[in-house]
Amino acid sequence: MKSALYHILLLLSLLAFPGAARSASSAGEAADSVAAAGAPGASASEMRVRKRFLPTSRRFDREINKGRFVYKGETMMGLTVSYGTLSSEDADMFPVFENINLKGSVTTINPFVGYFYRNNNCFGVRFGYSHLSGTLDTFDVNLGESNDLDLDVPWLDLSSERFSFGVFHRSYIALDEKGRFGLFAEMELSFATGENNFSYKSGEDFKFTNSENMTVKVWFNPGVAVYAFPNVCATLSFGLGGFKYASTRQFDEQGAQVGSRRYSKMNFRLNLADIRFGMTVHLWNKKKGGRG
């Protein structure tokens, strides 16, 4: 009986794990455990037969986190800055727009700090400030005589200021053995609040509106990182989207609320306006042997 069980277990092991032959001793031990399980008075632990989906020695490890791009215990301090201008030349790509006199600028500053609780992984906080200002003196839309539409906007002015605070988690993967080039994936939870001031000309009168807005975002920001120096790293990140909730309240010139709006959306796509160039400085305790 014991010999028959031995051959049955050996055949099943070869079918379940092709190319991995079990030793005769291990098969004999398995047969003994099965035989002991059927014996009268056997305990529950003796009746339990251990099964494995795949032996540990044969599991395939991709070793993605084996290369160390950033070491445990490092502190990361960084800053991303962007500045752009708007002018009449930017409207040349829209031939239906005529007589445009446009000028403005957009400035964004985002300082942040993070701590690496283990190799290649960190938690951090990020602060943000953005300012937008622009003036549109004239603006004509001409869709042709056949469409019989001609729109003239005499004067518009817009200014906006926003402050933000967020927490993020970032994971790195080294692309080379020396750890100079790497990729990272970042998840960010941020809260932003700000104010928009909008003025426009209606006839001979100038009208003014003000709005307060609040935004909560859960955003995914992957990117590329390259060490320019041993402790200075340049980064390029892309906003690929996530979940966003926004609330806006609008006020007139006397400060009375004239409207409100709330909306939420979820989308994942590459946003060309959310490409960030940054620089980070990595600090570590040199008394503990540097980064080694």
Protein backbone atom coordinates (compact mmCIF):
# COMPACT_ATOMS: atom_id res chain seq x y z
CA MET A 1 0.00 0.00 0.00
CA LYS A 2 2.82 2.38 0.90
CA SER A 3 4.62 1.62 -2.37
CA ALA A 4 1.47 2.38 -4.42
CA LEU A 5 0.99 5.74 -2.67
CA TYR A 6 4.65 6.56 -3.33
CA HIS A 7 4.27 6.06 -7.08
CA ILE A 8 0.98 7.98 -7.22
CA LEU A 9 2.51 10.98 -5.41
CA LEU A 10 5.59 10.88 -7.63
CA LEU A 11 3.43 10.91 -10.79
CA LEU A 12 1.28 13.81 -9.52
CA SER A 13 4.36 15.87 -8.63
CA LEU A 14 5.82 15.42 -12.11
CA LEU A 15 2.53 16.50 -13.73
CA ALA A 16 2.13 19.55 -11.49
CA PHE A 17 5.73 20.73 -11.81
CA PRO A 18 7.20 19.65 -15.15
CA GLY A 19 10.98 19.54 -15.20
CA ALA A 20 11.29 19.52 -11.41
CA ALA A 21 11.86 15.99 -10.22
CA ARG A 22 11.19 15.34 -6.57
CA SER A 23 13.71 13.35 -4.65
CA ALA A 24 12.78 9.86 -3.52
CA SER A 25 13.16 10.83 0.09
CA SER A 26 10.74 13.78 -0.11
CA ALA A 27 8.20 11.62 -1.91
CA GLY A 28 8.61 8.94 0.75
CA GLU A 29 8.00 11.52 3.46
CA ALA A 30 4.81 12.65 1.70
CA ALA A 31 3.64 9.04 1.49
CA ASP A 32 4.38 8.54 5.17
CA SER A 33 2.33 11.63 6.04
CA VAL A 34 -0.64 10.37 4.02
CA ALA A 35 -0.35 6.94 5.56
CA ALA A 36 -0.13 8.45 9.04
CA ALA A 37 -3.21 10.55 8.32
CA GLY A 38 -5.24 7.43 7.68
CA ALA A 39 -3.99 5.73 10.81
CA PRO A 40 -6.40 5.62 13.75
CA GLY A 41 -5.70 8.19 16.47
CA ALA A 42 -3.80 10.55 14.19
CA SER A 43 -3.89 14.22 15.26
CA ALA A 44 -5.26 17.10 13.12
CA SER A 45 -1.75 18.44 12.46
CA GLU A 46 -0.63 15.04 11.23
CA MET A 47 -3.66 14.82 8.89
CA ARG A 48 -2.90 18.20 7.34
CA VAL A 49 -0.97 17.85 4.05
CA ARG A 50 0.89 21.00 3.02
CA LYS A 51 0.30 22.10 -0.57
CA ARG A 52 2.19 24.74 -2.56
CA PHE A 53 1.14 26.55 -5.69
CA LEU A 54 4.77 26.91 -6.72
CA PRO A 55 7.93 26.14 -4.71
CA THR A 56 9.79 29.23 -3.50
CA SER A 57 12.94 28.11 -5.28
CA ARG A 58 11.11 28.14 -8.63
CA ARG A 59 9.24 31.44 -8.28
CA PHE A 60 10.27 34.08 -10.84
CA ASP A 61 11.47 37.34 -9.25
CA ARG A 62 11.78 40.27 -11.64
CA GLU A 63 13.96 42.08 -9.07
CA ILE A 64 12.56 45.49 -10.09
CA ASN A 65 13.49 47.03 -6.74
CA LYS A 66 16.93 45.44 -6.55
CA GLY A 67 18.71 48.49 -8.00
CA ARG A 68 18.89 51.35 -5.50
CA PHE A 69 18.27 54.79 -6.96
CA VAL A 70 17.70 56.48 -3.59
CA TYR A 71 18.77 55.09 -0.24
CA LYS A 72 16.81 54.67 2.95
CA GLY A 73 17.20 57.59 5.36
CA GLU A 74 17.76 60.28 2.71
CA THR A 75 15.90 63.57 2.78
CA MET A 76 14.83 65.06 -0.53
CA MET A 77 14.28 68.79 -1.00
CA GLY A 78 13.17 70.16 -4.34
CA LEU A 79 11.53 72.90 -6.33
CA THR A 80 9.59 73.00 -9.58
CA VAL A 81 9.09 76.33 -11.32
CA SER A 82 7.29 77.20 -14.52
CA TYR A 83 6.75 80.52 -16.27
CA GLY A 84 4.98 81.23 -19.51
CA THR A 85 3.78 84.26 -21.42
CA LEU A 86 0.78 84.85 -23.61
CA SER A 87 0.87 87.19 -26.60
CA SER A 88 -0.96 87.91 -29.82
CA GLU A 89 1.43 85.62 -31.69
CA ASP A 90 0.05 82.60 -29.79
CA ALA A 91 -3.27 83.06 -31.57
CA ASP A 92 -1.83 82.67 -35.08
CA MET A 93 -2.81 79.00 -35.08
CA PHE A 94 -6.51 80.00 -35.06
CA PRO A 95 -7.21 81.73 -38.40
CA VAL A 96 -10.78 82.64 -37.42
CA PHE A 97 -9.44 85.07 -34.78
CA GLU A 98 -8.65 88.57 -35.98
CA ASN A 99 -7.41 91.86 -34.49
CA ILE A 100 -6.20 90.18 -31.33
CA ASN A 101 -4.28 92.24 -28.80
CA LEU A 102 -3.40 89.75 -26.05
CA LYS A 103 -0.80 89.81 -23.30
CA GLY A 104 -0.40 87.87 -20.09
CA SER A 105 1.71 85.49 -18.04
CA VAL A 106 1.41 82.33 -15.94
CA THR A 107 3.78 81.60 -13.03
CA THR A 108 3.83 78.44 -10.89
CA ILE A 109 6.12 77.61 -7.95
CA ASN A 110 6.04 74.27 -6.10
CA PRO A 111 8.57 73.62 -3.28
CA PHE A 112 8.48 70.17 -1.66
CA VAL A 113 10.31 67.93 0.80
CA GLY A 114 10.31 64.16 1.24
CA TYR A 115 11.83 61.46 3.45
CA PHE A 116 12.81 57.99 2.22
CA TYR A 117 11.50 55.47 4.73
CA ARG A 118 13.11 52.68 2.69
CA ASN A 119 15.16 52.34 -0.49
CA ASN A 120 13.48 54.01 -3.49
CA ASN A 121 10.32 54.94 -1.56
CA CYS A 122 9.42 58.21 0.14
CA PHE A 123 6.59 60.22 1.64
CA GLY A 124 6.55 63.98 1.25
CA VAL A 125 4.64 67.26 1.36
CA ARG A 126 4.34 69.85 -1.40
CA PHE A 127 3.32 73.51 -1.33
CA GLY A 128 2.25 75.53 -4.32
CA TYR A 129 1.56 79.03 -5.58
CA SER A 130 0.33 80.03 -9.03
CA HIS A 131 -0.47 83.41 -10.53
CA LEU A 132 -2.18 84.13 -13.83
CA SER A 133 -2.82 87.53 -15.33
CA GLY A 134 -3.93 88.50 -18.79
CA THR A 135 -5.54 91.30 -20.76
CA LEU A 136 -7.43 91.05 -24.04
CA ASP A 137 -7.91 94.51 -25.56
CA THR A 138 -9.62 93.47 -28.81
CA PHE A 139 -10.91 90.17 -30.08
CA ASP A 140 -12.78 89.53 -33.34
CA VAL A 141 -14.20 86.24 -34.60
CA ASN A 142 -14.85 85.98 -38.32
CA LEU A 143 -16.30 82.74 -39.69
CA GLY A 144 -16.86 84.07 -43.19
CA GLU A 145 -19.68 85.79 -45.02
CA SER A 146 -21.50 82.52 -45.66
CA ASN A 147 -21.83 81.84 -41.90
CA ASP A 148 -23.04 85.38 -41.17
CA LEU A 149 -21.31 85.57 -37.78
CA ASP A 150 -18.99 88.30 -36.58
CA LEU A 151 -18.22 88.69 -32.86
CA ASP A 152 -16.34 91.63 -31.36
CA VAL A 153 -15.09 91.63 -27.75
CA PRO A 154 -13.69 95.06 -26.81
CA TRP A 155 -11.81 94.46 -23.53
CA LEU A 156 -11.28 91.66 -20.98
CA ASP A 157 -9.02 91.36 -17.96
CA LEU A 158 -8.41 88.28 -15.80
CA SER A 159 -6.20 87.71 -12.77
CA SER A 160 -6.00 84.61 -10.62
CA GLU A 161 -4.06 83.50 -7.54
CA ARG A 162 -4.04 80.00 -6.06
CA PHE A 163 -2.36 78.39 -3.04
CA SER A 164 -2.10 74.64 -2.59
CA PHE A 165 -0.92 72.00 -0.14
CA GLY A 166 -0.51 68.30 -0.81
CA VAL A 167 1.02 65.03 0.36
CA PHE A 168 2.57 62.51 -2.00
CA HIS A 169 4.18 59.09 -2.19
CA ARG A 170 6.93 58.47 -4.75
CA SER A 171 8.56 55.19 -5.83
CA TYR A 172 11.73 55.02 -7.93
CA ILE A 173 13.17 52.35 -10.22
CA ALA A 174 16.82 52.46 -11.26
CA LEU A 175 17.49 51.95 -14.97
CA ASP A 176 21.23 51.29 -14.73
CA GLU A 177 23.56 49.53 -12.32
CA LYS A 178 25.13 52.76 -11.05
CA GLY A 179 21.74 54.31 -10.27
CA ARG A 180 22.16 57.48 -12.31
CA PHE A 181 19.01 57.17 -14.42
CA GLY A 182 15.62 56.24 -13.05
CA LEU A 183 11.87 56.34 -13.39
CA PHE A 184 9.38 57.23 -10.68
CA ALA A 185 5.66 56.96 -10.08
CA GLU A 186 3.98 59.48 -7.80
CA MET A 187 0.51 59.61 -6.25
CA GLU A 188 -0.54 62.99 -4.86
CA LEU A 189 -3.44 64.19 -2.74
CA SER A 190 -3.70 67.98 -2.87
CA PHE A 191 -5.98 70.78 -1.72
CA ALA A 192 -6.00 74.18 -3.44
CA THR A 193 -7.88 77.40 -2.87
CA GLY A 194 -7.78 80.68 -4.71
CA GLU A 195 -9.52 83.72 -6.13
CA ASN A 196 -10.30 84.90 -9.65
CA ASN A 197 -10.98 88.51 -10.63
CA PHE A 198 -12.67 89.09 -13.96
CA SER A 199 -13.37 92.49 -15.55
CA TYR A 200 -14.95 93.26 -18.91
CA LYS A 201 -16.41 96.13 -20.85
CA SER A 202 -20.09 96.17 -21.71
CA GLY A 203 -21.00 99.13 -23.89
CA GLU A 204 -19.47 102.15 -22.22
CA ASP A 205 -19.48 100.58 -18.74
CA PHE A 206 -16.94 98.34 -17.03
CA LYS A 207 -18.22 95.37 -15.05
CA PHE A 208 -16.42 93.34 -12.40
CA THR A 209 -16.96 89.87 -10.92
CA ASN A 210 -15.04 87.91 -8.33
CA SER A 211 -15.03 84.17 -7.66
CA GLU A 212 -13.60 81.95 -4.93
CA ASN A 213 -12.70 78.39 -5.79
CA MET A 214 -11.61 75.25 -3.96
CA THR A 215 -10.18 72.10 -5.55
CA VAL A 216 -9.33 68.63 -4.20
CA LYS A 217 -7.33 66.28 -6.43
CA VAL A 218 -5.97 62.76 -6.33
CA TRP A 219 -3.43 62.80 -9.14
CA PHE A 220 -0.96 60.40 -10.79
CA ASN A 221 2.39 61.95 -11.82
CA PRO A 222 5.00 59.62 -13.36
CA GLY A 223 8.36 60.95 -14.43
CA VAL A 224 12.05 60.58 -15.24
CA ALA A 225 14.97 61.40 -12.94
CA VAL A 226 18.68 61.85 -13.72
CA TYR A 227 21.52 62.56 -11.30
CA ALA A 228 23.52 65.54 -12.55
CA PHE A 229 25.72 65.34 -9.42
CA PRO A 230 25.90 62.75 -6.59
CA ASN A 231 23.29 64.63 -4.57
CA VAL A 232 21.53 66.74 -7.22
CA CYS A 233 18.84 65.19 -9.41
CA ALA A 234 16.94 66.68 -12.34
CA THR A 235 13.36 65.52 -12.88
CA LEU A 236 10.72 65.68 -15.58
CA SER A 237 7.18 64.67 -14.59
CA PHE A 238 3.88 64.36 -16.46
CA GLY A 239 0.38 64.77 -15.10
CA LEU A 240 -1.65 61.78 -16.31
CA GLY A 241 -4.87 62.59 -14.48
CA GLY A 242 -6.96 61.15 -11.68
CA PHE A 243 -9.93 62.37 -9.65
CA LYS A 244 -10.83 66.04 -9.21
CA TYR A 245 -13.52 67.85 -7.21
CA ALA A 246 -14.03 71.61 -7.53
CA SER A 247 -16.35 74.17 -5.96
CA THR A 248 -16.75 77.79 -7.10
CA ARG A 249 -18.71 80.73 -5.68
CA GLN A 250 -19.21 83.93 -7.69
CA PHE A 251 -19.76 87.44 -6.28
CA ASP A 252 -20.74 90.77 -7.81
CA GLU A 253 -19.17 94.20 -7.27
CA GLN A 254 -21.06 94.71 -4.00
CA GLY A 255 -19.86 91.35 -2.58
CA ALA A 256 -23.20 89.57 -2.85
CA GLN A 257 -23.10 85.96 -4.01
CA VAL A 258 -24.68 85.64 -7.44
CA GLY A 259 -23.95 82.00 -8.25
CA SER A 260 -22.17 78.79 -7.31
CA ARG A 261 -21.06 75.64 -9.05
CA ARG A 262 -19.74 72.23 -8.02
CA TYR A 263 -18.44 69.49 -10.22
CA SER A 264 -16.28 66.36 -10.09
CA LYS A 265 -14.61 64.31 -12.78
CA MET A 266 -12.21 61.44 -13.30
CA ASN A 267 -9.99 61.16 -16.34
CA PHE A 268 -6.60 59.74 -17.26
CA ARG A 269 -4.79 61.41 -20.14
CA LEU A 270 -1.57 63.27 -20.85
CA ASN A 271 -2.00 66.95 -20.05
CA LEU A 272 0.58 69.02 -21.93
CA ALA A 273 -0.09 71.93 -19.58
CA ASP A 274 0.93 69.79 -16.59
CA ILE A 275 4.54 69.01 -17.53
CA ARG A 276 6.95 69.95 -14.75
CA PHE A 277 10.71 70.45 -14.83
CA GLY A 278 12.31 70.25 -11.41
CA MET A 279 15.49 69.90 -9.40
CA THR A 280 15.93 67.95 -6.17
CA VAL A 281 18.74 67.88 -3.61
CA HIS A 282 19.31 64.67 -1.64
CA LEU A 283 20.79 64.91 1.86
CA TRP A 284 22.03 62.00 3.97
CA ASN A 285 23.87 61.40 7.21
CA LYS A 286 27.55 61.32 6.28
CA LYS A 287 28.49 60.00 9.73
CA LYS A 288 26.81 56.73 8.83
CA GLY A 289 28.96 56.18 5.80
CA GLY A 290 27.29 58.28 3.13
CA ARG A 291 24.90 56.60 0.75
CA GLY A 292 26.46 53.18 0.99
